[in-house]
């Protein structure tokens, strides 16, 4: 599945909240999300749109912690 080119931080946060992440703090233009199972945290820059490399790195990190592929995670997040 192709990476979305127009996803902003708010959309990504909302999508990650559907798979178990929650906002734990904000610091300047960055938002920290945390998940309990598996234990993991990720920082998302509050940009609109997110750079494709930044989005790819965040999704890759989340996918590896969830034990899935980036493409499978994208399908879940975008559905």
Protein backbone atom coordinates (compact mmCIF):
# COMPACT_ATOMS: atom_id res chain seq x y z
CA UNK A 1 0.00 0.00 0.00
CA UNK A 2 1.28 3.44 -0.89
CA UNK A 3 2.12 5.93 1.87
CA UNK A 4 -0.42 8.75 2.13
CA UNK A 5 1.16 12.03 1.04
CA UNK A 6 -1.27 14.35 2.80
CA UNK A 7 -1.55 12.87 6.32
CA UNK A 8 -1.11 15.36 9.13
CA UNK A 9 -0.27 14.75 12.78
CA UNK A 10 -3.90 14.93 13.96
CA UNK A 11 -4.97 12.22 11.50
CA UNK A 12 -2.06 9.97 12.48
CA UNK A 13 -2.75 10.40 16.19
CA UNK A 14 -6.43 9.59 15.72
CA UNK A 15 -5.53 6.46 13.72
CA UNK A 16 -2.96 5.30 16.29
CA UNK A 17 -5.48 5.79 19.10
CA UNK A 18 -7.71 3.21 17.39
CA UNK A 19 -4.95 0.60 17.80
CA UNK A 20 -4.24 1.32 21.47
CA UNK A 21 -2.01 4.39 21.67
CA UNK A 22 -2.88 7.39 23.85
CA UNK A 23 -1.51 10.91 24.14
CA UNK A 24 0.61 11.25 27.27
CA UNK A 25 2.17 14.69 26.79
CA UNK A 26 2.81 17.63 24.49
CA UNK A 27 6.05 19.53 24.35
CA UNK A 28 6.24 22.41 21.91
CA UNK A 29 5.39 21.08 18.47
CA UNK A 30 5.76 17.40 19.40
CA UNK A 31 3.19 14.99 20.78
CA UNK A 32 4.14 11.85 22.70
CA UNK A 33 1.95 8.75 22.41
CA UNK A 34 2.22 5.62 24.50
CA UNK A 35 0.85 2.10 24.26
CA UNK A 36 0.65 -0.40 27.10
CA UNK A 37 0.53 -3.63 25.10
CA UNK A 38 3.19 -3.99 23.81
CA UNK A 39 4.93 -1.30 25.91
CA UNK A 40 6.00 1.37 23.44
CA UNK A 41 6.08 5.13 23.00
CA UNK A 42 6.45 7.28 19.91
CA UNK A 43 6.88 11.03 19.34
CA UNK A 44 5.02 12.68 16.49
CA UNK A 45 5.83 16.18 15.22
CA UNK A 46 2.72 18.34 15.01
CA UNK A 47 3.11 19.17 11.31
CA UNK A 48 0.67 19.39 8.45
CA UNK A 49 1.38 17.42 6.34
CA UNK A 50 3.92 15.04 7.84
CA UNK A 51 6.98 14.45 5.70
CA UNK A 52 6.87 11.10 3.94
CA UNK A 53 10.11 9.92 5.55
CA UNK A 54 8.91 10.90 9.02
CA UNK A 55 5.60 9.11 8.52
CA UNK A 56 7.36 6.04 7.16
CA UNK A 57 9.74 5.90 10.14
CA UNK A 58 6.91 6.28 12.67
CA UNK A 59 4.79 3.59 11.02
CA UNK A 60 7.78 1.27 10.69
CA UNK A 61 8.57 1.66 14.38
CA UNK A 62 4.96 1.05 15.44
CA UNK A 63 4.62 -1.93 13.08
CA UNK A 64 7.76 -3.59 14.41
CA UNK A 65 6.57 -3.23 18.02
CA UNK A 66 3.17 -4.67 17.08
CA UNK A 67 4.77 -7.59 15.24
CA UNK A 68 3.33 -6.75 11.83
CA UNK A 69 4.43 -5.14 8.58
CA UNK A 70 4.15 -1.47 7.70
CA UNK A 71 1.74 -2.30 4.86
CA UNK A 72 -0.56 -4.32 7.14
CA UNK A 73 -0.52 -1.53 9.72
CA UNK A 74 -1.36 1.04 7.04
CA UNK A 75 -4.40 -1.01 5.98
CA UNK A 76 -5.64 -1.12 9.57
CA UNK A 77 -5.01 2.58 10.18
CA UNK A 78 -6.60 3.79 6.94
CA UNK A 79 -9.70 1.59 7.10
